Every structure is written in structure tokens, then in C-alpha cells.
Amino acid sequence: MSNFGFFSEKSSITFESHLAGLQEKTRGLLLDLRAFMKSLGDNVIEEPRPHRIAYAKSLNFRVFADVQPKEDCLIVSIRKGRTDPLVTCMVKNPSELEETKNQVSEAYSMIK
């Protein structure tokens, strides 16, 4: 077992388990967003949790985005720094996804 409490080798939560029950359009948005998150850098960690998927930088697990899949949308919470307020975006279509990607990219680059 890892030293990090948020990693559980017994967890049955996977990224794929979050795809179940989503509308086809929302599933496509989530897969697109996932590919984008992973393209930000080799140090991006994806951590599926029961109701959301956390994305962090690996060195000290600084979470920069949380994605909460809903049937017809994605709720994306973005954190640019420890003291910055959380920014929450509702993504229902590709144009909203592109705007959210810009904010996620900025948050990723600001997390040290």
C-alpha cells in the first residue's frame, strides 16, 4: 500500500465506472477532458473517487481539478492555488469544454 491515504489498492472505483449512466454526449465530453488532463504533463495523476475524479500534480499531490460526472453534464472544480477560491464550471457542450480546458491549463501551470 502507498504512503498516501487517498490511494487504496482495494478500491473498485475506476475511471470507467464513472462512464456508466452518462448520456453519450456527456461521456464524450468526459473522455475528451480526460485526454486533455493527461496531455498537460507526465506528472498528472488521475485519482478516481466515488463521486468524482481528481487530477493533481504528482510531487506533493496538489489537486488542480476535480471532475464530477453527472448524467447530462460535467461539474469541474478548478483550484489555481491554495488560497485562491475554487472556480466551478458546468460543462454541457464542446464550447463550454474548451473554455474550461483553458482554465484548467492555467491552474495546472500555476500549481507548483
C-alpha atoms as a PDB file:
ATOM      1  CA  MET A   1       0.000   0.000   0.000  1.00  0.00           C
ATOM      2  CA  SER A   2       1.169   3.509  -0.800  1.00  0.00           C
ATOM      3  CA  ASN A   3       2.067   6.046   1.863  1.00  0.00           C
ATOM      4  CA  PHE A   4      -0.764   8.235   0.642  1.00  0.00           C
ATOM      5  CA  GLY A   5      -4.126   7.687   2.323  1.00  0.00           C
ATOM      6  CA  PHE A   6      -6.043   8.588  -0.817  1.00  0.00           C
ATOM      7  CA  PHE A   7      -4.588   5.659  -2.757  1.00  0.00           C
ATOM      8  CA  SER A   8      -6.319   2.432  -1.871  1.00  0.00           C
ATOM      9  CA  GLU A   9      -5.281  -0.767  -3.582  1.00  0.00           C
ATOM     10  CA  LYS A  10      -8.671  -2.244  -2.662  1.00  0.00           C
ATOM     11  CA  SER A  11     -10.673   0.489  -4.357  1.00  0.00           C
ATOM     12  CA  SER A  12     -13.084  -0.708  -7.017  1.00  0.00           C
ATOM     13  CA  ILE A  13     -13.621   2.841  -8.298  1.00  0.00           C
ATOM     14  CA  THR A  14     -12.164   3.262 -11.775  1.00  0.00           C
ATOM     15  CA  PHE A  15     -12.386   5.968 -14.374  1.00  0.00           C
ATOM     16  CA  GLU A  16     -14.536   3.613 -16.442  1.00  0.00           C
ATOM     17  CA  SER A  17     -17.032   3.218 -13.585  1.00  0.00           C
ATOM     18  CA  HIS A  18     -17.746   6.951 -13.931  1.00  0.00           C
ATOM     19  CA  LEU A  19     -18.759   6.453 -17.580  1.00  0.00           C
ATOM     20  CA  ALA A  20     -21.697   4.236 -16.625  1.00  0.00           C
ATOM     21  CA  GLY A  21     -25.027   6.020 -16.669  1.00  0.00           C
ATOM     22  CA  LEU A  22     -23.813   9.070 -18.580  1.00  0.00           C
ATOM     23  CA  GLN A  23     -25.556  10.289 -21.697  1.00  0.00           C
ATOM     24  CA  GLU A  24     -23.485   9.641 -24.823  1.00  0.00           C
ATOM     25  CA  LYS A  25     -22.727  13.358 -25.268  1.00  0.00           C
ATOM     26  CA  THR A  26     -21.543  13.672 -21.640  1.00  0.00           C
ATOM     27  CA  ARG A  27     -19.449  10.516 -21.964  1.00  0.00           C
ATOM     28  CA  GLY A  28     -17.699  12.060 -24.974  1.00  0.00           C
ATOM     29  CA  LEU A  29     -17.042  15.288 -23.058  1.00  0.00           C
ATOM     30  CA  LEU A  30     -15.562  13.336 -20.143  1.00  0.00           C
ATOM     31  CA  LEU A  31     -13.289  11.275 -22.406  1.00  0.00           C
ATOM     32  CA  ASP A  32     -12.142  14.433 -24.201  1.00  0.00           C
ATOM     33  CA  LEU A  33     -11.458  16.198 -20.892  1.00  0.00           C
ATOM     34  CA  ARG A  34      -9.550  13.168 -19.580  1.00  0.00           C
ATOM     35  CA  ALA A  35      -7.292  13.097 -22.637  1.00  0.00           C
ATOM     36  CA  PHE A  36      -6.668  16.825 -22.207  1.00  0.00           C
ATOM     37  CA  MET A  37      -5.841  16.466 -18.494  1.00  0.00           C
ATOM     38  CA  LYS A  38      -3.328  13.709 -19.204  1.00  0.00           C
ATOM     39  CA  SER A  39      -1.759  15.758 -22.005  1.00  0.00           C
ATOM     40  CA  LEU A  40      -0.852  18.566 -19.581  1.00  0.00           C
ATOM     41  CA  GLY A  41       2.242  16.727 -18.376  1.00  0.00           C
ATOM     42  CA  ASP A  42       3.810  13.433 -17.368  1.00  0.00           C
ATOM     43  CA  ASN A  43       3.311  14.350 -13.707  1.00  0.00           C
ATOM     44  CA  VAL A  44      -0.511  14.414 -13.845  1.00  0.00           C
ATOM     45  CA  ILE A  45      -2.144  11.905 -11.511  1.00  0.00           C
ATOM     46  CA  GLU A  46      -5.735  10.781 -12.118  1.00  0.00           C
ATOM     47  CA  GLU A  47      -7.427   9.626  -8.929  1.00  0.00           C
ATOM     48  CA  PRO A  48     -10.944   8.184  -9.403  1.00  0.00           C
ATOM     49  CA  ARG A  49     -13.017   8.647  -6.261  1.00  0.00           C
ATOM     50  CA  PRO A  50     -16.591   7.535  -5.523  1.00  0.00           C
ATOM     51  CA  HIS A  51     -18.352  10.659  -6.882  1.00  0.00           C
ATOM     52  CA  ARG A  52     -15.600  12.485  -8.748  1.00  0.00           C
ATOM     53  CA  ILE A  53     -12.242  12.220 -10.447  1.00  0.00           C
ATOM     54  CA  ALA A  54      -9.373  14.269  -9.007  1.00  0.00           C
ATOM     55  CA  TYR A  55      -6.445  15.484 -11.108  1.00  0.00           C
ATOM     56  CA  ALA A  56      -3.234  16.514  -9.388  1.00  0.00           C
ATOM     57  CA  LYS A  57       0.460  17.125  -9.890  1.00  0.00           C
ATOM     58  CA  SER A  58       2.459  14.211  -8.594  1.00  0.00           C
ATOM     59  CA  LEU A  59       5.217  15.662  -6.429  1.00  0.00           C
ATOM     60  CA  ASN A  60       3.004  16.557  -3.498  1.00  0.00           C
ATOM     61  CA  PHE A  61      -0.423  15.649  -4.856  1.00  0.00           C
ATOM     62  CA  ARG A  62      -1.560  19.222  -5.442  1.00  0.00           C
ATOM     63  CA  VAL A  63      -5.101  18.854  -6.829  1.00  0.00           C
ATOM     64  CA  PHE A  64      -5.784  21.374  -9.581  1.00  0.00           C
ATOM     65  CA  ALA A  65      -9.106  19.985 -10.859  1.00  0.00           C
ATOM     66  CA  ASP A  66     -11.988  17.762  -9.774  1.00  0.00           C
ATOM     67  CA  VAL A  67     -14.489  16.413 -12.278  1.00  0.00           C
ATOM     68  CA  GLN A  68     -17.898  15.291 -11.081  1.00  0.00           C
ATOM     69  CA  PRO A  69     -19.718  13.451 -13.893  1.00  0.00           C
ATOM     70  CA  LYS A  70     -23.491  13.899 -13.924  1.00  0.00           C
ATOM     71  CA  GLU A  71     -25.910  12.250 -16.348  1.00  0.00           C
ATOM     72  CA  ASP A  72     -26.136  15.299 -18.641  1.00  0.00           C
ATOM     73  CA  CYS A  73     -23.123  17.453 -17.668  1.00  0.00           C
ATOM     74  CA  LEU A  74     -19.732  17.610 -16.006  1.00  0.00           C
ATOM     75  CA  ILE A  75     -19.146  19.732 -12.918  1.00  0.00           C
ATOM     76  CA  VAL A  76     -15.487  20.799 -12.998  1.00  0.00           C
ATOM     77  CA  SER A  77     -13.942  22.445  -9.938  1.00  0.00           C
ATOM     78  CA  ILE A  78     -10.642  24.193 -10.585  1.00  0.00           C
ATOM     79  CA  ARG A  79      -8.107  25.316  -7.981  1.00  0.00           C
ATOM     80  CA  LYS A  80      -5.314  27.643  -9.099  1.00  0.00           C
ATOM     81  CA  GLY A  81      -3.617  27.847  -5.709  1.00  0.00           C
ATOM     82  CA  ARG A  82      -4.029  27.047  -2.032  1.00  0.00           C
ATOM     83  CA  THR A  83      -5.538  30.435  -1.204  1.00  0.00           C
ATOM     84  CA  ASP A  84      -7.408  31.071  -4.456  1.00  0.00           C
ATOM     85  CA  PRO A  85     -11.159  30.481  -4.440  1.00  0.00           C
ATOM     86  CA  LEU A  86     -12.420  27.345  -6.132  1.00  0.00           C
ATOM     87  CA  VAL A  87     -13.827  28.011  -9.622  1.00  0.00           C
ATOM     88  CA  THR A  88     -16.682  25.714 -10.634  1.00  0.00           C
ATOM     89  CA  CYS A  89     -17.780  25.211 -14.245  1.00  0.00           C
ATOM     90  CA  MET A  90     -20.748  23.294 -15.606  1.00  0.00           C
ATOM     91  CA  VAL A  91     -19.869  21.684 -18.939  1.00  0.00           C
ATOM     92  CA  LYS A  92     -22.710  20.608 -21.223  1.00  0.00           C
ATOM     93  CA  ASN A  93     -21.221  21.134 -24.695  1.00  0.00           C
ATOM     94  CA  PRO A  94     -17.890  21.309 -26.559  1.00  0.00           C
ATOM     95  CA  SER A  95     -17.639  25.122 -26.421  1.00  0.00           C
ATOM     96  CA  GLU A  96     -18.026  25.107 -22.625  1.00  0.00           C
ATOM     97  CA  LEU A  97     -15.448  22.316 -22.511  1.00  0.00           C
ATOM     98  CA  GLU A  98     -12.916  24.407 -24.447  1.00  0.00           C
ATOM     99  CA  GLU A  99     -13.400  27.340 -22.061  1.00  0.00           C
ATOM    100  CA  THR A 100     -12.962  25.004 -19.088  1.00  0.00           C
ATOM    101  CA  LYS A 101      -9.804  23.491 -20.602  1.00  0.00           C
ATOM    102  CA  ASN A 102      -8.269  26.971 -20.756  1.00  0.00           C
ATOM    103  CA  GLN A 103      -8.948  27.498 -17.051  1.00  0.00           C
ATOM    104  CA  VAL A 104      -7.639  24.021 -16.165  1.00  0.00           C
ATOM    105  CA  SER A 105      -4.469  24.629 -18.157  1.00  0.00           C
ATOM    106  CA  GLU A 106      -3.902  27.893 -16.307  1.00  0.00           C
ATOM    107  CA  ALA A 107      -4.477  26.196 -12.937  1.00  0.00           C
ATOM    108  CA  TYR A 108      -2.090  23.370 -13.838  1.00  0.00           C
ATOM    109  CA  SER A 109       0.648  25.839 -14.746  1.00  0.00           C
ATOM    110  CA  MET A 110       0.137  27.826 -11.508  1.00  0.00           C
ATOM    111  CA  ILE A 111       0.386  24.801  -9.178  1.00  0.00           C
ATOM    112  CA  LYS A 112       3.983  24.444  -8.051  1.00  0.00           C
END
